[in-house]
């Protein structure tokens, strides 16, 4: 029997089936709506945020950067010798 009122007792299997801690959360085909952008590494996020991160990051190798790059006061190091007039130099 399932508890109905706040003060009702519940057996262990009922509590375990409703508990999130340590168990998977089964939402039985329903959606979770209005998820905000994550603030901590373990936070859930929404699909729009994932698409934004994936589509706005610069690839580790290759790719093309458009716009300004702010290094936040940090240097660019280990640069190769320039080959063309527009190449950056040490």
C-alpha atoms as a PDB file:
ATOM      1  CA  UNK A   1       0.000   0.000   0.000  1.00  0.00           C
ATOM      2  CA  UNK A   2       1.327   3.446  -0.917  1.00  0.00           C
ATOM      3  CA  UNK A   3       1.389   6.289   1.605  1.00  0.00           C
ATOM      4  CA  UNK A   4      -1.209   8.968   0.931  1.00  0.00           C
ATOM      5  CA  UNK A   5      -0.784  11.539   3.703  1.00  0.00           C
ATOM      6  CA  UNK A   6       2.494  13.144   4.819  1.00  0.00           C
ATOM      7  CA  UNK A   7       2.522  11.228   8.132  1.00  0.00           C
ATOM      8  CA  UNK A   8       1.821   7.787   6.602  1.00  0.00           C
ATOM      9  CA  UNK A   9       4.390   5.033   7.003  1.00  0.00           C
ATOM     10  CA  UNK A  10       6.080   3.546   3.927  1.00  0.00           C
ATOM     11  CA  UNK A  11       7.933   0.275   3.438  1.00  0.00           C
ATOM     12  CA  UNK A  12      11.566   0.140   2.278  1.00  0.00           C
ATOM     13  CA  UNK A  13      10.842  -0.943  -1.297  1.00  0.00           C
ATOM     14  CA  UNK A  14       8.435   1.991  -1.773  1.00  0.00           C
ATOM     15  CA  UNK A  15      10.995   4.473  -0.439  1.00  0.00           C
ATOM     16  CA  UNK A  16      13.795   2.961  -2.555  1.00  0.00           C
ATOM     17  CA  UNK A  17      11.662   3.216  -5.680  1.00  0.00           C
ATOM     18  CA  UNK A  18      11.091   6.941  -5.055  1.00  0.00           C
ATOM     19  CA  UNK A  19      14.613   7.778  -3.860  1.00  0.00           C
ATOM     20  CA  UNK A  20      17.110   9.533  -6.133  1.00  0.00           C
ATOM     21  CA  UNK A  21      20.194   9.178  -3.935  1.00  0.00           C
ATOM     22  CA  UNK A  22      22.278   6.311  -5.259  1.00  0.00           C
ATOM     23  CA  UNK A  23      19.567   5.072  -7.613  1.00  0.00           C
ATOM     24  CA  UNK A  24      18.592   5.958 -11.164  1.00  0.00           C
ATOM     25  CA  UNK A  25      15.685   8.330 -11.567  1.00  0.00           C
ATOM     26  CA  UNK A  26      12.996   6.760 -13.724  1.00  0.00           C
ATOM     27  CA  UNK A  27      10.684   9.452 -15.064  1.00  0.00           C
ATOM     28  CA  UNK A  28       8.793   6.897 -17.169  1.00  0.00           C
ATOM     29  CA  UNK A  29       8.888   8.761 -20.491  1.00  0.00           C
ATOM     30  CA  UNK A  30       8.168  12.220 -19.042  1.00  0.00           C
ATOM     31  CA  UNK A  31      10.388  15.266 -19.621  1.00  0.00           C
ATOM     32  CA  UNK A  32      12.196  17.472 -17.140  1.00  0.00           C
ATOM     33  CA  UNK A  33      11.483  21.089 -18.120  1.00  0.00           C
ATOM     34  CA  UNK A  34      13.091  24.458 -17.331  1.00  0.00           C
ATOM     35  CA  UNK A  35      16.581  23.181 -16.515  1.00  0.00           C
ATOM     36  CA  UNK A  36      18.943  26.114 -16.019  1.00  0.00           C
ATOM     37  CA  UNK A  37      22.526  26.374 -17.252  1.00  0.00           C
ATOM     38  CA  UNK A  38      24.950  24.437 -15.045  1.00  0.00           C
ATOM     39  CA  UNK A  39      27.031  26.166 -12.384  1.00  0.00           C
ATOM     40  CA  UNK A  40      28.867  23.119 -11.013  1.00  0.00           C
ATOM     41  CA  UNK A  41      30.465  20.182 -12.845  1.00  0.00           C
ATOM     42  CA  UNK A  42      27.792  17.737 -11.598  1.00  0.00           C
ATOM     43  CA  UNK A  43      24.771  19.923 -12.511  1.00  0.00           C
ATOM     44  CA  UNK A  44      22.264  18.809 -15.125  1.00  0.00           C
ATOM     45  CA  UNK A  45      21.804  21.058 -18.126  1.00  0.00           C
ATOM     46  CA  UNK A  46      19.507  21.561 -21.067  1.00  0.00           C
ATOM     47  CA  UNK A  47      20.063  20.647 -24.719  1.00  0.00           C
ATOM     48  CA  UNK A  48      20.392  24.275 -25.848  1.00  0.00           C
ATOM     49  CA  UNK A  49      23.375  24.801 -23.538  1.00  0.00           C
ATOM     50  CA  UNK A  50      25.113  21.656 -24.823  1.00  0.00           C
ATOM     51  CA  UNK A  51      24.566  22.722 -28.446  1.00  0.00           C
ATOM     52  CA  UNK A  52      25.912  26.205 -27.652  1.00  0.00           C
ATOM     53  CA  UNK A  53      29.085  24.833 -26.044  1.00  0.00           C
ATOM     54  CA  UNK A  54      29.669  22.296 -28.820  1.00  0.00           C
ATOM     55  CA  UNK A  55      29.098  24.799 -31.630  1.00  0.00           C
ATOM     56  CA  UNK A  56      31.020  27.767 -30.223  1.00  0.00           C
ATOM     57  CA  UNK A  57      34.230  26.178 -28.982  1.00  0.00           C
ATOM     58  CA  UNK A  58      37.452  26.250 -30.970  1.00  0.00           C
ATOM     59  CA  UNK A  59      38.641  22.779 -31.976  1.00  0.00           C
ATOM     60  CA  UNK A  60      41.922  21.578 -30.461  1.00  0.00           C
ATOM     61  CA  UNK A  61      43.312  20.979 -33.948  1.00  0.00           C
ATOM     62  CA  UNK A  62      42.266  22.742 -37.121  1.00  0.00           C
ATOM     63  CA  UNK A  63      39.172  24.860 -37.368  1.00  0.00           C
ATOM     64  CA  UNK A  64      38.853  28.584 -37.857  1.00  0.00           C
ATOM     65  CA  UNK A  65      38.572  31.281 -35.240  1.00  0.00           C
ATOM     66  CA  UNK A  66      36.453  34.346 -35.962  1.00  0.00           C
ATOM     67  CA  UNK A  67      36.541  37.411 -33.765  1.00  0.00           C
ATOM     68  CA  UNK A  68      38.844  38.611 -31.018  1.00  0.00           C
ATOM     69  CA  UNK A  69      40.724  36.364 -28.645  1.00  0.00           C
ATOM     70  CA  UNK A  70      41.209  37.661 -25.116  1.00  0.00           C
ATOM     71  CA  UNK A  71      44.048  35.943 -23.262  1.00  0.00           C
ATOM     72  CA  UNK A  72      43.019  37.566 -19.966  1.00  0.00           C
ATOM     73  CA  UNK A  73      46.563  38.807 -19.295  1.00  0.00           C
ATOM     74  CA  UNK A  74      48.187  35.471 -20.165  1.00  0.00           C
ATOM     75  CA  UNK A  75      50.982  35.068 -22.722  1.00  0.00           C
ATOM     76  CA  UNK A  76      51.089  32.949 -25.865  1.00  0.00           C
ATOM     77  CA  UNK A  77      54.198  30.755 -25.653  1.00  0.00           C
ATOM     78  CA  UNK A  78      56.023  28.043 -27.633  1.00  0.00           C
ATOM     79  CA  UNK A  79      55.303  29.639 -30.998  1.00  0.00           C
ATOM     80  CA  UNK A  80      57.062  28.385 -34.129  1.00  0.00           C
ATOM     81  CA  UNK A  81      59.178  30.679 -36.292  1.00  0.00           C
ATOM     82  CA  UNK A  82      57.077  32.759 -38.700  1.00  0.00           C
ATOM     83  CA  UNK A  83      56.840  31.700 -42.343  1.00  0.00           C
ATOM     84  CA  UNK A  84      54.507  34.392 -43.699  1.00  0.00           C
ATOM     85  CA  UNK A  85      54.323  38.146 -43.113  1.00  0.00           C
ATOM     86  CA  UNK A  86      51.048  37.842 -41.135  1.00  0.00           C
ATOM     87  CA  UNK A  87      52.392  35.116 -38.752  1.00  0.00           C
ATOM     88  CA  UNK A  88      52.819  35.960 -35.067  1.00  0.00           C
ATOM     89  CA  UNK A  89      56.363  35.995 -33.678  1.00  0.00           C
ATOM     90  CA  UNK A  90      58.019  35.544 -30.294  1.00  0.00           C
END
